Amino acid sequence: MTDPLFQIGASGIDTSRIVADIQASVAEKMKNGLYADARIARAERTNISNLKNEEDFLTFYLECLRDAVAVDINDFEIHERRALFSSLLISLKKLIWKMLKFYTYRLWSQQNQTNTLLLSAVESLEDRYCDKINKLEERITKLEQKDIRK
């Protein structure tokens, strides 16, 4: 078994027991259907302690970037916690949202375009360097084979 990327501890605290308690609690909640959301399962599979090498780490963060590249500019449901004047407050908030959306739509659109271009650039660099590394590894293998034959 390989060592984790990092460890946290303090004297007098049984971190193993705490982790076991958390895992048992999560398992119980999953069994009861509280954690049926696919995002939770994905988060558990890809938490930092499960990312064993730099390649897994980069792949995980590129996936995160792909998922978060677009700023959500759609409307959303507006709720009001206060019972008094709730319909009036909701109407006021909807009016404010429409005015804000008018002024910020162009900014959001430009941000989405910038995010997409930056993600494309990072993905392109990753592809380029992966190809370069693969070619160099092939070259090293060929050179080592030639050296062994001599």
C-alpha atoms as a PDB file:
ATOM      1  CA  MET A   1       0.000   0.000   0.000  1.00  0.00           C
ATOM      2  CA  THR A   2       1.326   3.470  -0.875  1.00  0.00           C
ATOM      3  CA  ASP A   3       1.501   6.312   1.587  1.00  0.00           C
ATOM      4  CA  PRO A   4      -1.156   9.043   1.258  1.00  0.00           C
ATOM      5  CA  LEU A   5      -0.182  12.406  -0.207  1.00  0.00           C
ATOM      6  CA  PHE A   6      -0.593  14.021   3.219  1.00  0.00           C
ATOM      7  CA  GLN A   7      -1.544  13.132   6.778  1.00  0.00           C
ATOM      8  CA  ILE A   8      -3.194  15.144   9.510  1.00  0.00           C
ATOM      9  CA  GLY A   9      -2.797  14.359  13.186  1.00  0.00           C
ATOM     10  CA  ALA A  10      -2.530  15.769  16.671  1.00  0.00           C
ATOM     11  CA  SER A  11      -1.478  14.294  19.991  1.00  0.00           C
ATOM     12  CA  GLY A  12      -4.366  12.863  22.020  1.00  0.00           C
ATOM     13  CA  ILE A  13      -6.691  12.577  19.015  1.00  0.00           C
ATOM     14  CA  ASP A  14      -7.456   9.214  17.442  1.00  0.00           C
ATOM     15  CA  THR A  15      -7.814  10.260  13.821  1.00  0.00           C
ATOM     16  CA  SER A  16      -8.286   6.663  12.668  1.00  0.00           C
ATOM     17  CA  ARG A  17     -11.337   6.313  14.926  1.00  0.00           C
ATOM     18  CA  ILE A  18     -12.756   9.635  13.729  1.00  0.00           C
ATOM     19  CA  VAL A  19     -12.314   8.640  10.080  1.00  0.00           C
ATOM     20  CA  ALA A  20     -13.901   5.229  10.784  1.00  0.00           C
ATOM     21  CA  ASP A  21     -16.848   6.940  12.525  1.00  0.00           C
ATOM     22  CA  ILE A  22     -17.356   9.282   9.565  1.00  0.00           C
ATOM     23  CA  GLN A  23     -17.145   6.416   7.084  1.00  0.00           C
ATOM     24  CA  ALA A  24     -19.663   4.380   9.118  1.00  0.00           C
ATOM     25  CA  SER A  25     -22.009   7.369   9.286  1.00  0.00           C
ATOM     26  CA  VAL A  26     -21.758   7.937   5.531  1.00  0.00           C
ATOM     27  CA  ALA A  27     -22.322   4.217   4.841  1.00  0.00           C
ATOM     28  CA  GLU A  28     -25.440   4.260   7.024  1.00  0.00           C
ATOM     29  CA  LYS A  29     -26.779   7.375   5.297  1.00  0.00           C
ATOM     30  CA  MET A  30     -26.064   5.876   1.871  1.00  0.00           C
ATOM     31  CA  LYS A  31     -27.912   2.720   2.908  1.00  0.00           C
ATOM     32  CA  ASN A  32     -30.894   4.884   3.901  1.00  0.00           C
ATOM     33  CA  GLY A  33     -30.806   6.672   0.531  1.00  0.00           C
ATOM     34  CA  LEU A  34     -29.682  10.069   1.813  1.00  0.00           C
ATOM     35  CA  TYR A  35     -26.622  10.137  -0.431  1.00  0.00           C
ATOM     36  CA  ALA A  36     -28.147   8.853  -3.660  1.00  0.00           C
ATOM     37  CA  ASP A  37     -26.906  11.872  -5.607  1.00  0.00           C
ATOM     38  CA  ALA A  38     -24.294  10.879  -8.202  1.00  0.00           C
ATOM     39  CA  ARG A  39     -22.206  13.964  -7.376  1.00  0.00           C
ATOM     40  CA  ILE A  40     -21.601  12.654  -3.859  1.00  0.00           C
ATOM     41  CA  ALA A  41     -20.396   9.288  -5.146  1.00  0.00           C
ATOM     42  CA  ARG A  42     -18.097  11.093  -7.584  1.00  0.00           C
ATOM     43  CA  ALA A  43     -16.738  13.314  -4.800  1.00  0.00           C
ATOM     44  CA  GLU A  44     -15.929  10.275  -2.667  1.00  0.00           C
ATOM     45  CA  ARG A  45     -14.180   8.498  -5.554  1.00  0.00           C
ATOM     46  CA  THR A  46     -12.101  11.547  -6.381  1.00  0.00           C
ATOM     47  CA  ASN A  47     -11.262  13.014  -3.003  1.00  0.00           C
ATOM     48  CA  ILE A  48      -7.675  14.147  -2.609  1.00  0.00           C
ATOM     49  CA  SER A  49      -6.549  11.103  -0.616  1.00  0.00           C
ATOM     50  CA  ASN A  50      -7.700   8.804  -3.467  1.00  0.00           C
ATOM     51  CA  LEU A  51      -5.742  10.720  -6.106  1.00  0.00           C
ATOM     52  CA  LYS A  52      -2.526   8.700  -6.020  1.00  0.00           C
ATOM     53  CA  ASN A  53      -0.457  10.417  -8.660  1.00  0.00           C
ATOM     54  CA  GLU A  54      -0.057  13.665 -10.537  1.00  0.00           C
ATOM     55  CA  GLU A  55      -1.848  12.332 -13.631  1.00  0.00           C
ATOM     56  CA  ASP A  56      -4.991  11.442 -11.616  1.00  0.00           C
ATOM     57  CA  PHE A  57      -4.837  14.845  -9.951  1.00  0.00           C
ATOM     58  CA  LEU A  58      -4.629  16.721 -13.275  1.00  0.00           C
ATOM     59  CA  THR A  59      -7.370  14.584 -14.846  1.00  0.00           C
ATOM     60  CA  PHE A  60      -9.655  15.270 -11.873  1.00  0.00           C
ATOM     61  CA  TYR A  61      -9.146  19.031 -12.013  1.00  0.00           C
ATOM     62  CA  LEU A  62      -9.613  19.160 -15.777  1.00  0.00           C
ATOM     63  CA  GLU A  63     -12.949  17.377 -15.284  1.00  0.00           C
ATOM     64  CA  CYS A  64     -13.851  19.930 -12.598  1.00  0.00           C
ATOM     65  CA  LEU A  65     -12.985  22.752 -14.990  1.00  0.00           C
ATOM     66  CA  ARG A  66     -15.130  21.199 -17.716  1.00  0.00           C
ATOM     67  CA  ASP A  67     -18.053  20.931 -15.296  1.00  0.00           C
ATOM     68  CA  ALA A  68     -17.689  24.515 -14.054  1.00  0.00           C
ATOM     69  CA  VAL A  69     -16.617  26.344 -17.207  1.00  0.00           C
ATOM     70  CA  ALA A  70     -19.996  27.991 -17.844  1.00  0.00           C
ATOM     71  CA  VAL A  71     -21.484  30.613 -15.559  1.00  0.00           C
ATOM     72  CA  ASP A  72     -25.184  29.806 -15.118  1.00  0.00           C
ATOM     73  CA  ILE A  73     -27.114  32.776 -16.503  1.00  0.00           C
ATOM     74  CA  ASN A  74     -30.541  31.169 -16.353  1.00  0.00           C
ATOM     75  CA  ASP A  75     -33.415  32.305 -14.191  1.00  0.00           C
ATOM     76  CA  PHE A  76     -33.932  30.611 -10.856  1.00  0.00           C
ATOM     77  CA  GLU A  77     -36.816  30.235  -8.459  1.00  0.00           C
ATOM     78  CA  ILE A  78     -36.945  32.966  -5.836  1.00  0.00           C
ATOM     79  CA  HIS A  79     -38.045  31.971  -2.325  1.00  0.00           C
ATOM     80  CA  GLU A  80     -38.823  34.115   0.683  1.00  0.00           C
ATOM     81  CA  ARG A  81     -38.394  32.830   4.255  1.00  0.00           C
ATOM     82  CA  ARG A  82     -40.348  35.610   5.910  1.00  0.00           C
ATOM     83  CA  ALA A  83     -44.107  35.088   6.015  1.00  0.00           C
ATOM     84  CA  LEU A  84     -45.010  38.769   6.312  1.00  0.00           C
ATOM     85  CA  PHE A  85     -45.233  40.453   2.891  1.00  0.00           C
ATOM     86  CA  SER A  86     -43.681  37.396   1.213  1.00  0.00           C
ATOM     87  CA  SER A  87     -45.504  37.808  -2.115  1.00  0.00           C
ATOM     88  CA  LEU A  88     -44.546  41.500  -2.241  1.00  0.00           C
ATOM     89  CA  LEU A  89     -40.903  40.697  -1.424  1.00  0.00           C
ATOM     90  CA  ILE A  90     -40.801  37.949  -4.064  1.00  0.00           C
ATOM     91  CA  SER A  91     -42.197  40.337  -6.682  1.00  0.00           C
ATOM     92  CA  LEU A  92     -39.636  42.976  -5.700  1.00  0.00           C
ATOM     93  CA  LYS A  93     -36.782  40.450  -5.888  1.00  0.00           C
ATOM     94  CA  LYS A  94     -37.960  39.273  -9.321  1.00  0.00           C
ATOM     95  CA  LEU A  95     -37.999  42.868 -10.566  1.00  0.00           C
ATOM     96  CA  ILE A  96     -34.497  43.487  -9.183  1.00  0.00           C
ATOM     97  CA  TRP A  97     -33.280  40.240 -10.771  1.00  0.00           C
ATOM     98  CA  LYS A  98     -34.621  41.256 -14.193  1.00  0.00           C
ATOM     99  CA  MET A  99     -32.859  44.619 -13.964  1.00  0.00           C
ATOM    100  CA  LEU A 100     -29.605  43.002 -12.855  1.00  0.00           C
ATOM    101  CA  LYS A 101     -29.831  40.376 -15.567  1.00  0.00           C
ATOM    102  CA  PHE A 102     -30.205  43.095 -18.204  1.00  0.00           C
ATOM    103  CA  TYR A 103     -26.958  44.726 -17.064  1.00  0.00           C
ATOM    104  CA  THR A 104     -24.950  41.597 -16.346  1.00  0.00           C
ATOM    105  CA  TYR A 105     -25.912  39.329 -19.267  1.00  0.00           C
ATOM    106  CA  ARG A 106     -23.146  40.673 -21.506  1.00  0.00           C
ATOM    107  CA  LEU A 107     -20.588  40.312 -18.716  1.00  0.00           C
ATOM    108  CA  TRP A 108     -21.646  36.710 -18.060  1.00  0.00           C
ATOM    109  CA  SER A 109     -21.511  35.913 -21.767  1.00  0.00           C
ATOM    110  CA  GLN A 110     -17.980  37.312 -22.023  1.00  0.00           C
ATOM    111  CA  GLN A 111     -16.948  35.394 -18.897  1.00  0.00           C
ATOM    112  CA  ASN A 112     -18.306  32.153 -20.379  1.00  0.00           C
ATOM    113  CA  GLN A 113     -16.356  32.798 -23.574  1.00  0.00           C
ATOM    114  CA  THR A 114     -13.157  33.525 -21.625  1.00  0.00           C
ATOM    115  CA  ASN A 115     -13.609  30.423 -19.446  1.00  0.00           C
ATOM    116  CA  THR A 116     -14.132  28.240 -22.515  1.00  0.00           C
ATOM    117  CA  LEU A 117     -11.036  29.631 -24.248  1.00  0.00           C
ATOM    118  CA  LEU A 118      -8.890  29.134 -21.133  1.00  0.00           C
ATOM    119  CA  LEU A 119     -10.134  25.569 -20.698  1.00  0.00           C
ATOM    120  CA  SER A 120      -9.379  24.834 -24.359  1.00  0.00           C
ATOM    121  CA  ALA A 121      -5.881  26.245 -23.931  1.00  0.00           C
ATOM    122  CA  VAL A 122      -5.192  24.126 -20.833  1.00  0.00           C
ATOM    123  CA  GLU A 123      -6.553  20.985 -22.520  1.00  0.00           C
ATOM    124  CA  SER A 124      -4.469  21.698 -25.611  1.00  0.00           C
ATOM    125  CA  LEU A 125      -1.327  22.130 -23.507  1.00  0.00           C
ATOM    126  CA  GLU A 126      -2.033  18.916 -21.643  1.00  0.00           C
ATOM    127  CA  ASP A 127      -2.536  16.994 -24.914  1.00  0.00           C
ATOM    128  CA  ARG A 128       0.608  18.520 -26.393  1.00  0.00           C
ATOM    129  CA  TYR A 129       2.782  17.639 -23.388  1.00  0.00           C
ATOM    130  CA  CYS A 130       1.305  14.138 -23.088  1.00  0.00           C
ATOM    131  CA  ASP A 131       2.158  13.502 -26.743  1.00  0.00           C
ATOM    132  CA  LYS A 132       5.638  14.922 -26.239  1.00  0.00           C
ATOM    133  CA  ILE A 133       6.224  12.751 -23.158  1.00  0.00           C
ATOM    134  CA  ASN A 134       4.990   9.647 -24.985  1.00  0.00           C
ATOM    135  CA  LYS A 135       7.325  10.330 -27.923  1.00  0.00           C
ATOM    136  CA  LEU A 136      10.263  10.891 -25.584  1.00  0.00           C
ATOM    137  CA  GLU A 137       9.493   7.673 -23.693  1.00  0.00           C
ATOM    138  CA  GLU A 138       9.352   5.757 -27.004  1.00  0.00           C
ATOM    139  CA  ARG A 139      12.666   7.300 -28.019  1.00  0.00           C
ATOM    140  CA  ILE A 140      14.266   6.360 -24.692  1.00  0.00           C
ATOM    141  CA  THR A 141      12.983   2.789 -25.045  1.00  0.00           C
ATOM    142  CA  LYS A 142      14.433   2.523 -28.565  1.00  0.00           C
ATOM    143  CA  LEU A 143      17.769   3.950 -27.407  1.00  0.00           C
ATOM    144  CA  GLU A 144      17.897   1.546 -24.455  1.00  0.00           C
ATOM    145  CA  GLN A 145      17.160  -1.386 -26.761  1.00  0.00           C
ATOM    146  CA  LYS A 146      19.968  -0.319 -29.104  1.00  0.00           C
ATOM    147  CA  ASP A 147      22.310   0.042 -26.124  1.00  0.00           C
ATOM    148  CA  ILE A 148      21.444  -3.460 -24.859  1.00  0.00           C
ATOM    149  CA  ARG A 149      22.143  -5.012 -28.277  1.00  0.00           C
ATOM    150  CA  LYS A 150      25.657  -3.589 -28.386  1.00  0.00           C
END
